[in-house]
Amino acid sequence: MLQDAVASLTDVFSPPFRRVMVKSLALTVGVLVLAGFGLDRLALSFVHVETGWLATTISLLIGLGLVAGLVLLAAPTTSLVAGFFLDEIAGLVEREIDPAGVPGRPAPAIDSALFTLRFAALSLLVTLAALALLFVPGFGLVAWIGANAYLLGRQYFELAARRFRPVAEARAMRRHFALPVYLAGLSIAGFVAIPLLNLFAPLFATALMARLHKRLEREG
């Protein structure tokens, strides 16, 4: 498991992954900038203050609030954008670890879009839950990592498995190997917990679960 995690981390910064990473981050930044500009214009349209210093203060507070909000939304937005490149990442890893093997099949476009939207929504909910749990001393961080390990492990393992088997079989395989999938999920949760590095979490998680699926397939 540790070897898979180290190899996946190395992959994230390899030339083939960097191309996907640059596309993903560029789109993420573009989406966040447009969202920030639009929300700023919308917020200011509701503010009508004649006093110069008060208007400046309100504008500054709105700006700081938007920056904080966009930082919070960075990871879910990255998950949404990167979701459209995850099959490409999985294919790269599969060819690297099993060049003579049968290549996986990308999910149909509609299924892929639904998976991406569902996972982005899940990522947002986990982020919001994390904020609430951080106020629970001695429990918040542990609960957040534990929940993330299960949710992220489940999502990414099924993504890797569905490239080689029907959805029902992918879920059954994930349940059968629940412990190794959860342990791999802990690695992903730790990755997600690190600011800025969490922007690369979808790439790391996809590479890790593609490796885990191949290994469990051979062992099972």
C-alpha atoms as a PDB file:
ATOM      1  CA  MET A   1       0.000   0.000   0.000  1.00  0.00           C
ATOM      2  CA  LEU A   2       2.781   2.438   0.939  1.00  0.00           C
ATOM      3  CA  GLN A   3       4.618   1.583  -2.275  1.00  0.00           C
ATOM      4  CA  ASP A   4       1.458   2.332  -4.291  1.00  0.00           C
ATOM      5  CA  ALA A   5       1.059   5.687  -2.517  1.00  0.00           C
ATOM      6  CA  VAL A   6       4.690   6.707  -3.126  1.00  0.00           C
ATOM      7  CA  ALA A   7       4.510   5.674  -6.793  1.00  0.00           C
ATOM      8  CA  SER A   8       1.242   7.602  -7.230  1.00  0.00           C
ATOM      9  CA  LEU A   9       2.710  10.714  -5.619  1.00  0.00           C
ATOM     10  CA  THR A  10       5.676  10.477  -7.989  1.00  0.00           C
ATOM     11  CA  ASP A  11       3.275  10.117 -10.925  1.00  0.00           C
ATOM     12  CA  VAL A  12       1.459  13.351 -10.038  1.00  0.00           C
ATOM     13  CA  PHE A  13       4.566  15.366 -10.927  1.00  0.00           C
ATOM     14  CA  SER A  14       5.660  13.283 -13.934  1.00  0.00           C
ATOM     15  CA  PRO A  15       5.484  14.854 -17.445  1.00  0.00           C
ATOM     16  CA  PRO A  16       2.312  13.013 -18.624  1.00  0.00           C
ATOM     17  CA  PHE A  17       0.471  13.952 -15.427  1.00  0.00           C
ATOM     18  CA  ARG A  18       1.725  17.528 -15.558  1.00  0.00           C
ATOM     19  CA  ARG A  19      -0.093  18.088 -18.843  1.00  0.00           C
ATOM     20  CA  VAL A  20      -3.365  17.003 -17.274  1.00  0.00           C
ATOM     21  CA  MET A  21      -2.556  18.940 -14.110  1.00  0.00           C
ATOM     22  CA  VAL A  22      -1.920  22.166 -16.033  1.00  0.00           C
ATOM     23  CA  LYS A  23      -5.199  21.804 -17.949  1.00  0.00           C
ATOM     24  CA  SER A  24      -7.093  21.040 -14.766  1.00  0.00           C
ATOM     25  CA  LEU A  25      -5.609  23.886 -12.733  1.00  0.00           C
ATOM     26  CA  ALA A  26      -5.967  26.398 -15.578  1.00  0.00           C
ATOM     27  CA  LEU A  27      -9.662  25.588 -15.911  1.00  0.00           C
ATOM     28  CA  THR A  28     -10.074  25.673 -12.129  1.00  0.00           C
ATOM     29  CA  VAL A  29      -8.471  29.119 -11.873  1.00  0.00           C
ATOM     30  CA  GLY A  30     -10.599  30.350 -14.775  1.00  0.00           C
ATOM     31  CA  VAL A  31     -13.805  29.101 -13.159  1.00  0.00           C
ATOM     32  CA  LEU A  32     -12.889  30.630  -9.779  1.00  0.00           C
ATOM     33  CA  VAL A  33     -11.911  33.990 -11.294  1.00  0.00           C
ATOM     34  CA  LEU A  34     -15.157  34.235 -13.264  1.00  0.00           C
ATOM     35  CA  ALA A  35     -17.171  33.148 -10.225  1.00  0.00           C
ATOM     36  CA  GLY A  36     -15.379  35.683  -8.013  1.00  0.00           C
ATOM     37  CA  PHE A  37     -15.923  38.518 -10.486  1.00  0.00           C
ATOM     38  CA  GLY A  38     -19.591  37.662 -10.905  1.00  0.00           C
ATOM     39  CA  LEU A  39     -20.241  37.372  -7.170  1.00  0.00           C
ATOM     40  CA  ASP A  40     -18.378  40.634  -6.523  1.00  0.00           C
ATOM     41  CA  ARG A  41     -20.535  42.492  -9.060  1.00  0.00           C
ATOM     42  CA  LEU A  42     -23.675  40.901  -7.614  1.00  0.00           C
ATOM     43  CA  ALA A  43     -22.801  41.783  -4.026  1.00  0.00           C
ATOM     44  CA  LEU A  44     -21.917  45.387  -4.877  1.00  0.00           C
ATOM     45  CA  SER A  45     -25.194  45.812  -6.750  1.00  0.00           C
ATOM     46  CA  PHE A  46     -26.993  45.444  -3.405  1.00  0.00           C
ATOM     47  CA  VAL A  47     -24.821  48.033  -1.661  1.00  0.00           C
ATOM     48  CA  HIS A  48     -25.863  51.677  -2.013  1.00  0.00           C
ATOM     49  CA  VAL A  49     -23.856  53.856   0.373  1.00  0.00           C
ATOM     50  CA  GLU A  50     -23.065  57.507  -0.266  1.00  0.00           C
ATOM     51  CA  THR A  51     -20.337  57.940   2.379  1.00  0.00           C
ATOM     52  CA  GLY A  52     -16.983  57.351   0.720  1.00  0.00           C
ATOM     53  CA  TRP A  53     -15.137  55.673   3.593  1.00  0.00           C
ATOM     54  CA  LEU A  54     -18.094  53.434   4.424  1.00  0.00           C
ATOM     55  CA  ALA A  55     -18.481  52.331   0.805  1.00  0.00           C
ATOM     56  CA  THR A  56     -14.751  51.543   0.661  1.00  0.00           C
ATOM     57  CA  THR A  57     -14.938  49.562   3.899  1.00  0.00           C
ATOM     58  CA  ILE A  58     -17.923  47.548   2.709  1.00  0.00           C
ATOM     59  CA  SER A  59     -16.233  46.836  -0.634  1.00  0.00           C
ATOM     60  CA  LEU A  60     -13.110  45.667   1.206  1.00  0.00           C
ATOM     61  CA  LEU A  61     -15.108  43.353   3.472  1.00  0.00           C
ATOM     62  CA  ILE A  62     -16.958  41.916   0.494  1.00  0.00           C
ATOM     63  CA  GLY A  63     -13.649  41.330  -1.255  1.00  0.00           C
ATOM     64  CA  LEU A  64     -12.149  39.544   1.754  1.00  0.00           C
ATOM     65  CA  GLY A  65     -15.275  37.426   2.113  1.00  0.00           C
ATOM     66  CA  LEU A  66     -15.120  36.427  -1.534  1.00  0.00           C
ATOM     67  CA  VAL A  67     -11.435  35.494  -1.285  1.00  0.00           C
ATOM     68  CA  ALA A  68     -12.173  33.306   1.749  1.00  0.00           C
ATOM     69  CA  GLY A  69     -15.113  31.720  -0.055  1.00  0.00           C
ATOM     70  CA  LEU A  70     -13.098  31.014  -3.196  1.00  0.00           C
ATOM     71  CA  VAL A  71     -10.294  29.430  -1.160  1.00  0.00           C
ATOM     72  CA  LEU A  72     -12.920  27.187   0.443  1.00  0.00           C
ATOM     73  CA  LEU A  73     -14.335  26.296  -2.971  1.00  0.00           C
ATOM     74  CA  ALA A  74     -10.953  25.639  -4.592  1.00  0.00           C
ATOM     75  CA  ALA A  75     -10.829  21.914  -3.734  1.00  0.00           C
ATOM     76  CA  PRO A  76     -14.455  21.134  -4.787  1.00  0.00           C
ATOM     77  CA  THR A  77     -13.956  23.113  -8.000  1.00  0.00           C
ATOM     78  CA  THR A  78     -10.768  21.212  -8.746  1.00  0.00           C
ATOM     79  CA  SER A  79     -12.658  17.954  -8.190  1.00  0.00           C
ATOM     80  CA  LEU A  80     -15.356  19.092 -10.617  1.00  0.00           C
ATOM     81  CA  VAL A  81     -12.903  20.139 -13.329  1.00  0.00           C
ATOM     82  CA  ALA A  82     -10.463  17.260 -12.848  1.00  0.00           C
ATOM     83  CA  GLY A  83     -13.309  14.771 -13.063  1.00  0.00           C
ATOM     84  CA  PHE A  84     -13.309  15.195 -16.828  1.00  0.00           C
ATOM     85  CA  PHE A  85      -9.645  14.080 -17.015  1.00  0.00           C
ATOM     86  CA  LEU A  86      -9.657  11.166 -14.567  1.00  0.00           C
ATOM     87  CA  ASP A  87     -10.127   8.459 -17.204  1.00  0.00           C
ATOM     88  CA  GLU A  88      -7.078   9.837 -18.990  1.00  0.00           C
ATOM     89  CA  ILE A  89      -5.064   9.607 -15.749  1.00  0.00           C
ATOM     90  CA  ALA A  90      -6.270   6.074 -15.033  1.00  0.00           C
ATOM     91  CA  GLY A  91      -5.270   5.014 -18.556  1.00  0.00           C
ATOM     92  CA  LEU A  92      -1.762   6.396 -18.085  1.00  0.00           C
ATOM     93  CA  VAL A  93      -1.282   4.462 -14.844  1.00  0.00           C
ATOM     94  CA  GLU A  94      -2.699   1.233 -16.277  1.00  0.00           C
ATOM     95  CA  ARG A  95      -0.286   1.351 -19.208  1.00  0.00           C
ATOM     96  CA  GLU A  96       2.595   2.082 -16.847  1.00  0.00           C
ATOM     97  CA  ILE A  97       1.987  -0.850 -14.481  1.00  0.00           C
ATOM     98  CA  ASP A  98       0.573  -3.359 -16.976  1.00  0.00           C
ATOM     99  CA  PRO A  99       1.629  -2.408 -20.518  1.00  0.00           C
ATOM    100  CA  ALA A 100       0.614  -5.797 -21.963  1.00  0.00           C
ATOM    101  CA  GLY A 101      -2.747  -5.905 -20.205  1.00  0.00           C
ATOM    102  CA  VAL A 102      -6.187  -5.155 -21.615  1.00  0.00           C
ATOM    103  CA  PRO A 103      -6.754  -1.388 -21.370  1.00  0.00           C
ATOM    104  CA  GLY A 104      -9.671  -0.089 -19.341  1.00  0.00           C
ATOM    105  CA  ARG A 105     -12.723   1.414 -20.986  1.00  0.00           C
ATOM    106  CA  PRO A 106     -13.678   5.014 -20.225  1.00  0.00           C
ATOM    107  CA  ALA A 107     -17.183   5.391 -18.846  1.00  0.00           C
ATOM    108  CA  PRO A 108     -19.883   6.697 -21.212  1.00  0.00           C
ATOM    109  CA  ALA A 109     -19.976  10.500 -21.386  1.00  0.00           C
ATOM    110  CA  ILE A 110     -23.253  10.796 -19.461  1.00  0.00           C
ATOM    111  CA  ASP A 111     -22.087   8.441 -16.703  1.00  0.00           C
ATOM    112  CA  SER A 112     -18.792  10.292 -16.475  1.00  0.00           C
ATOM    113  CA  ALA A 113     -20.548  13.674 -16.202  1.00  0.00           C
ATOM    114  CA  LEU A 114     -22.909  12.365 -13.498  1.00  0.00           C
ATOM    115  CA  PHE A 115     -19.968  10.881 -11.579  1.00  0.00           C
ATOM    116  CA  THR A 116     -18.113  14.185 -11.803  1.00  0.00           C
ATOM    117  CA  LEU A 117     -21.079  16.254 -10.605  1.00  0.00           C
ATOM    118  CA  ARG A 118     -21.865  13.805  -7.802  1.00  0.00           C
ATOM    119  CA  PHE A 119     -18.287  13.795  -6.620  1.00  0.00           C
ATOM    120  CA  ALA A 120     -17.986  17.597  -6.759  1.00  0.00           C
ATOM    121  CA  ALA A 121     -21.148  17.894  -4.641  1.00  0.00           C
ATOM    122  CA  LEU A 122     -19.753  15.322  -2.220  1.00  0.00           C
ATOM    123  CA  SER A 123     -16.462  17.215  -2.020  1.00  0.00           C
ATOM    124  CA  LEU A 124     -18.330  20.436  -1.211  1.00  0.00           C
ATOM    125  CA  LEU A 125     -20.385  18.739   1.514  1.00  0.00           C
ATOM    126  CA  VAL A 126     -17.253  17.235   3.071  1.00  0.00           C
ATOM    127  CA  THR A 127     -15.562  20.644   2.992  1.00  0.00           C
ATOM    128  CA  LEU A 128     -18.513  22.277   4.753  1.00  0.00           C
ATOM    129  CA  ALA A 129     -18.695  19.447   7.277  1.00  0.00           C
ATOM    130  CA  ALA A 130     -14.988  19.882   7.937  1.00  0.00           C
ATOM    131  CA  LEU A 131     -15.535  23.497   8.922  1.00  0.00           C
ATOM    132  CA  ALA A 132     -18.194  22.481  11.426  1.00  0.00           C
ATOM    133  CA  LEU A 133     -16.197  19.557  12.831  1.00  0.00           C
ATOM    134  CA  LEU A 134     -13.090  21.665  13.364  1.00  0.00           C
ATOM    135  CA  PHE A 135     -14.936  23.363  16.227  1.00  0.00           C
ATOM    136  CA  VAL A 136     -15.281  20.035  18.075  1.00  0.00           C
ATOM    137  CA  PRO A 137     -12.073  19.705  20.151  1.00  0.00           C
ATOM    138  CA  GLY A 138     -10.328  16.342  19.990  1.00  0.00           C
ATOM    139  CA  PHE A 139     -12.846  14.880  17.574  1.00  0.00           C
ATOM    140  CA  GLY A 140     -13.309  17.126  14.582  1.00  0.00           C
ATOM    141  CA  LEU A 141     -10.137  16.393  12.621  1.00  0.00           C
ATOM    142  CA  VAL A 142     -10.242  12.646  13.330  1.00  0.00           C
ATOM    143  CA  ALA A 143     -13.910  12.410  12.284  1.00  0.00           C
ATOM    144  CA  TRP A 144     -13.254  14.446   9.144  1.00  0.00           C
ATOM    145  CA  ILE A 145     -10.315  12.287   8.060  1.00  0.00           C
ATOM    146  CA  GLY A 146     -12.237   9.101   8.824  1.00  0.00           C
ATOM    147  CA  ALA A 147     -15.280  10.194   6.820  1.00  0.00           C
ATOM    148  CA  ASN A 148     -13.114  11.421   3.962  1.00  0.00           C
ATOM    149  CA  ALA A 149     -11.204   8.137   3.890  1.00  0.00           C
ATOM    150  CA  TYR A 150     -14.424   6.191   3.400  1.00  0.00           C
ATOM    151  CA  LEU A 151     -16.068   8.545   0.904  1.00  0.00           C
ATOM    152  CA  LEU A 152     -13.002   9.264  -1.219  1.00  0.00           C
ATOM    153  CA  GLY A 153     -11.799   5.656  -1.138  1.00  0.00           C
ATOM    154  CA  ARG A 154     -15.203   4.462  -2.259  1.00  0.00           C
ATOM    155  CA  GLN A 155     -15.568   6.984  -5.077  1.00  0.00           C
ATOM    156  CA  TYR A 156     -12.105   6.625  -6.579  1.00  0.00           C
ATOM    157  CA  PHE A 157     -11.877   2.847  -6.266  1.00  0.00           C
ATOM    158  CA  GLU A 158     -15.196   2.400  -8.058  1.00  0.00           C
ATOM    159  CA  LEU A 159     -13.978   4.799 -10.753  1.00  0.00           C
ATOM    160  CA  ALA A 160     -10.896   2.605 -11.323  1.00  0.00           C
ATOM    161  CA  ALA A 161     -12.854  -0.669 -11.144  1.00  0.00           C
ATOM    162  CA  ARG A 162     -15.625   0.471 -13.503  1.00  0.00           C
ATOM    163  CA  ARG A 163     -13.094   0.766 -16.299  1.00  0.00           C
ATOM    164  CA  PHE A 164     -12.844  -3.052 -16.318  1.00  0.00           C
ATOM    165  CA  ARG A 165     -16.203  -4.315 -15.032  1.00  0.00           C
ATOM    166  CA  PRO A 166     -19.887  -3.355 -14.747  1.00  0.00           C
ATOM    167  CA  VAL A 167     -20.961  -0.951 -12.000  1.00  0.00           C
ATOM    168  CA  ALA A 168     -22.517  -3.699  -9.851  1.00  0.00           C
ATOM    169  CA  GLU A 169     -19.312  -5.774  -9.991  1.00  0.00           C
ATOM    170  CA  ALA A 170     -17.181  -2.720  -9.199  1.00  0.00           C
ATOM    171  CA  ARG A 171     -19.254  -2.044  -6.083  1.00  0.00           C
ATOM    172  CA  ALA A 172     -19.135  -5.691  -5.052  1.00  0.00           C
ATOM    173  CA  MET A 173     -15.348  -5.729  -5.436  1.00  0.00           C
ATOM    174  CA  ARG A 174     -15.068  -2.567  -3.350  1.00  0.00           C
ATOM    175  CA  ARG A 175     -17.141  -4.139  -0.568  1.00  0.00           C
ATOM    176  CA  HIS A 176     -15.115  -7.373  -0.710  1.00  0.00           C
ATOM    177  CA  PHE A 177     -11.847  -5.451  -0.312  1.00  0.00           C
ATOM    178  CA  ALA A 178     -13.302  -2.872   2.089  1.00  0.00           C
ATOM    179  CA  LEU A 179     -10.249  -2.714   4.379  1.00  0.00           C
ATOM    180  CA  PRO A 180      -7.513  -2.072   1.758  1.00  0.00           C
ATOM    181  CA  VAL A 181      -9.813   0.397  -0.003  1.00  0.00           C
ATOM    182  CA  TYR A 182     -10.356   2.244   3.281  1.00  0.00           C
ATOM    183  CA  LEU A 183      -6.636   2.294   4.065  1.00  0.00           C
ATOM    184  CA  ALA A 184      -5.946   3.735   0.609  1.00  0.00           C
ATOM    185  CA  GLY A 185      -8.712   6.245   1.321  1.00  0.00           C
ATOM    186  CA  LEU A 186      -6.811   7.352   4.419  1.00  0.00           C
ATOM    187  CA  SER A 187      -3.848   8.257   2.194  1.00  0.00           C
ATOM    188  CA  ILE A 188      -6.149  10.319  -0.003  1.00  0.00           C
ATOM    189  CA  ALA A 189      -7.755  11.985   3.033  1.00  0.00           C
ATOM    190  CA  GLY A 190      -4.320  12.959   4.321  1.00  0.00           C
ATOM    191  CA  PHE A 191      -3.504  14.420   0.903  1.00  0.00           C
ATOM    192  CA  VAL A 192      -6.763  16.396   0.894  1.00  0.00           C
ATOM    193  CA  ALA A 193      -6.043  17.787   4.375  1.00  0.00           C
ATOM    194  CA  ILE A 194      -2.957  19.689   3.151  1.00  0.00           C
ATOM    195  CA  PRO A 195      -3.785  23.146   1.713  1.00  0.00           C
ATOM    196  CA  LEU A 196      -2.666  23.751  -1.892  1.00  0.00           C
ATOM    197  CA  LEU A 197      -1.538  20.135  -2.201  1.00  0.00           C
ATOM    198  CA  ASN A 198      -5.230  19.182  -2.083  1.00  0.00           C
ATOM    199  CA  LEU A 199      -5.612  20.762  -5.531  1.00  0.00           C
ATOM    200  CA  PHE A 200      -3.744  17.730  -6.881  1.00  0.00           C
ATOM    201  CA  ALA A 201      -5.779  15.227  -4.849  1.00  0.00           C
ATOM    202  CA  PRO A 202      -7.922  13.980  -7.777  1.00  0.00           C
ATOM    203  CA  LEU A 203      -4.792  13.048  -9.756  1.00  0.00           C
ATOM    204  CA  PHE A 204      -3.150  11.330  -6.775  1.00  0.00           C
ATOM    205  CA  ALA A 205      -6.339   9.467  -5.819  1.00  0.00           C
ATOM    206  CA  THR A 206      -6.975   8.223  -9.355  1.00  0.00           C
ATOM    207  CA  ALA A 207      -3.402   6.965  -9.737  1.00  0.00           C
ATOM    208  CA  LEU A 208      -3.476   5.288  -6.319  1.00  0.00           C
ATOM    209  CA  MET A 209      -6.783   3.501  -6.882  1.00  0.00           C
ATOM    210  CA  ALA A 210      -5.821   2.387 -10.404  1.00  0.00           C
ATOM    211  CA  ARG A 211      -2.792   0.703  -8.853  1.00  0.00           C
ATOM    212  CA  LEU A 212      -4.803  -0.759  -5.986  1.00  0.00           C
ATOM    213  CA  HIS A 213      -7.444  -2.163  -8.327  1.00  0.00           C
ATOM    214  CA  LYS A 214      -4.821  -3.882 -10.476  1.00  0.00           C
ATOM    215  CA  ARG A 215      -3.083  -5.353  -7.422  1.00  0.00           C
ATOM    216  CA  LEU A 216      -6.304  -6.605  -5.824  1.00  0.00           C
ATOM    217  CA  GLU A 217      -7.416  -8.053  -9.150  1.00  0.00           C
ATOM    218  CA  ARG A 218      -4.226 -10.117  -9.309  1.00  0.00           C
ATOM    219  CA  GLU A 219      -4.503 -11.180  -5.661  1.00  0.00           C
ATOM    220  CA  GLY A 220      -8.227 -11.919  -5.757  1.00  0.00           C
END
